[in-house]
């Protein structure tokens, strides 16, 4: 067994958390609110969804890394 990681699922959870954070940040950097065809409700939904992805990803990575 690998001496660096005691649980192989830990690395999968950490990678998934980092991926979600990156997707959320990429969505915010892509400025979904710049496209006015959807209206204000769609704009707010995209921003809330991107921030939620960052929060869930950070929470998942933190949870996986602190559970021993």
C-alpha atoms as a PDB file:
ATOM      1  CA  UNK A   1       0.000   0.000   0.000  1.00  0.00           C
ATOM      2  CA  UNK A   2       1.163   3.537  -0.672  1.00  0.00           C
ATOM      3  CA  UNK A   3       2.694   5.068   2.440  1.00  0.00           C
ATOM      4  CA  UNK A   4       1.734   8.627   1.450  1.00  0.00           C
ATOM      5  CA  UNK A   5      -2.014   8.002   1.281  1.00  0.00           C
ATOM      6  CA  UNK A   6      -3.592   5.650   3.780  1.00  0.00           C
ATOM      7  CA  UNK A   7      -6.962   5.576   2.000  1.00  0.00           C
ATOM      8  CA  UNK A   8      -7.072   5.516  -1.813  1.00  0.00           C
ATOM      9  CA  UNK A   9     -10.526   7.111  -1.819  1.00  0.00           C
ATOM     10  CA  UNK A  10      -9.030  10.157  -0.083  1.00  0.00           C
ATOM     11  CA  UNK A  11      -7.193  11.200  -3.224  1.00  0.00           C
ATOM     12  CA  UNK A  12     -10.353  10.775  -5.312  1.00  0.00           C
ATOM     13  CA  UNK A  13     -12.357  12.965  -2.929  1.00  0.00           C
ATOM     14  CA  UNK A  14      -9.655  15.600  -2.846  1.00  0.00           C
ATOM     15  CA  UNK A  15      -9.397  15.624  -6.635  1.00  0.00           C
ATOM     16  CA  UNK A  16     -13.177  15.947  -6.992  1.00  0.00           C
ATOM     17  CA  UNK A  17     -13.211  18.844  -4.523  1.00  0.00           C
ATOM     18  CA  UNK A  18     -10.416  20.661  -6.345  1.00  0.00           C
ATOM     19  CA  UNK A  19     -12.171  20.074  -9.662  1.00  0.00           C
ATOM     20  CA  UNK A  20     -15.408  21.601  -8.339  1.00  0.00           C
ATOM     21  CA  UNK A  21     -13.538  24.640  -7.038  1.00  0.00           C
ATOM     22  CA  UNK A  22     -11.826  25.120 -10.392  1.00  0.00           C
ATOM     23  CA  UNK A  23     -15.106  24.755 -12.303  1.00  0.00           C
ATOM     24  CA  UNK A  24     -16.772  27.341 -10.071  1.00  0.00           C
ATOM     25  CA  UNK A  25     -13.895  29.791 -10.459  1.00  0.00           C
ATOM     26  CA  UNK A  26     -13.779  29.236 -14.227  1.00  0.00           C
ATOM     27  CA  UNK A  27     -17.497  29.934 -14.441  1.00  0.00           C
ATOM     28  CA  UNK A  28     -17.100  33.190 -12.533  1.00  0.00           C
ATOM     29  CA  UNK A  29     -14.088  34.238 -14.624  1.00  0.00           C
ATOM     30  CA  UNK A  30     -16.105  33.507 -17.775  1.00  0.00           C
ATOM     31  CA  UNK A  31     -18.587  36.190 -16.636  1.00  0.00           C
ATOM     32  CA  UNK A  32     -21.895  34.446 -17.372  1.00  0.00           C
ATOM     33  CA  UNK A  33     -23.724  37.677 -16.525  1.00  0.00           C
ATOM     34  CA  UNK A  34     -22.202  39.352 -19.613  1.00  0.00           C
ATOM     35  CA  UNK A  35     -24.760  37.591 -21.839  1.00  0.00           C
ATOM     36  CA  UNK A  36     -27.953  39.585 -21.476  1.00  0.00           C
ATOM     37  CA  UNK A  37     -30.212  37.189 -23.366  1.00  0.00           C
ATOM     38  CA  UNK A  38     -31.189  35.267 -20.225  1.00  0.00           C
ATOM     39  CA  UNK A  39     -32.216  38.127 -17.996  1.00  0.00           C
ATOM     40  CA  UNK A  40     -31.478  38.935 -14.377  1.00  0.00           C
ATOM     41  CA  UNK A  41     -32.903  35.720 -12.939  1.00  0.00           C
ATOM     42  CA  UNK A  42     -30.671  33.542 -15.094  1.00  0.00           C
ATOM     43  CA  UNK A  43     -27.690  35.746 -14.265  1.00  0.00           C
ATOM     44  CA  UNK A  44     -28.271  35.382 -10.534  1.00  0.00           C
ATOM     45  CA  UNK A  45     -28.780  31.639 -10.917  1.00  0.00           C
ATOM     46  CA  UNK A  46     -25.454  31.260 -12.700  1.00  0.00           C
ATOM     47  CA  UNK A  47     -23.601  33.281 -10.070  1.00  0.00           C
ATOM     48  CA  UNK A  48     -25.204  31.389  -7.184  1.00  0.00           C
ATOM     49  CA  UNK A  49     -24.466  28.078  -8.905  1.00  0.00           C
ATOM     50  CA  UNK A  50     -20.813  28.972  -9.452  1.00  0.00           C
ATOM     51  CA  UNK A  51     -20.374  30.109  -5.857  1.00  0.00           C
ATOM     52  CA  UNK A  52     -22.127  26.952  -4.659  1.00  0.00           C
ATOM     53  CA  UNK A  53     -19.742  24.804  -6.705  1.00  0.00           C
ATOM     54  CA  UNK A  54     -16.785  26.553  -5.076  1.00  0.00           C
ATOM     55  CA  UNK A  55     -18.301  26.057  -1.614  1.00  0.00           C
ATOM     56  CA  UNK A  56     -19.171  22.397  -2.132  1.00  0.00           C
ATOM     57  CA  UNK A  57     -15.777  21.657  -3.661  1.00  0.00           C
ATOM     58  CA  UNK A  58     -13.876  23.358  -0.851  1.00  0.00           C
ATOM     59  CA  UNK A  59     -16.054  21.618   1.734  1.00  0.00           C
ATOM     60  CA  UNK A  60     -15.523  18.231   0.122  1.00  0.00           C
ATOM     61  CA  UNK A  61     -11.755  18.654  -0.062  1.00  0.00           C
ATOM     62  CA  UNK A  62     -11.640  19.861   3.554  1.00  0.00           C
ATOM     63  CA  UNK A  63     -13.862  17.019   4.765  1.00  0.00           C
ATOM     64  CA  UNK A  64     -11.836  14.341   3.003  1.00  0.00           C
ATOM     65  CA  UNK A  65      -8.529  15.718   4.268  1.00  0.00           C
ATOM     66  CA  UNK A  66      -9.625  16.112   7.916  1.00  0.00           C
ATOM     67  CA  UNK A  67     -11.355  12.751   8.366  1.00  0.00           C
ATOM     68  CA  UNK A  68      -8.824  10.309   9.762  1.00  0.00           C
END
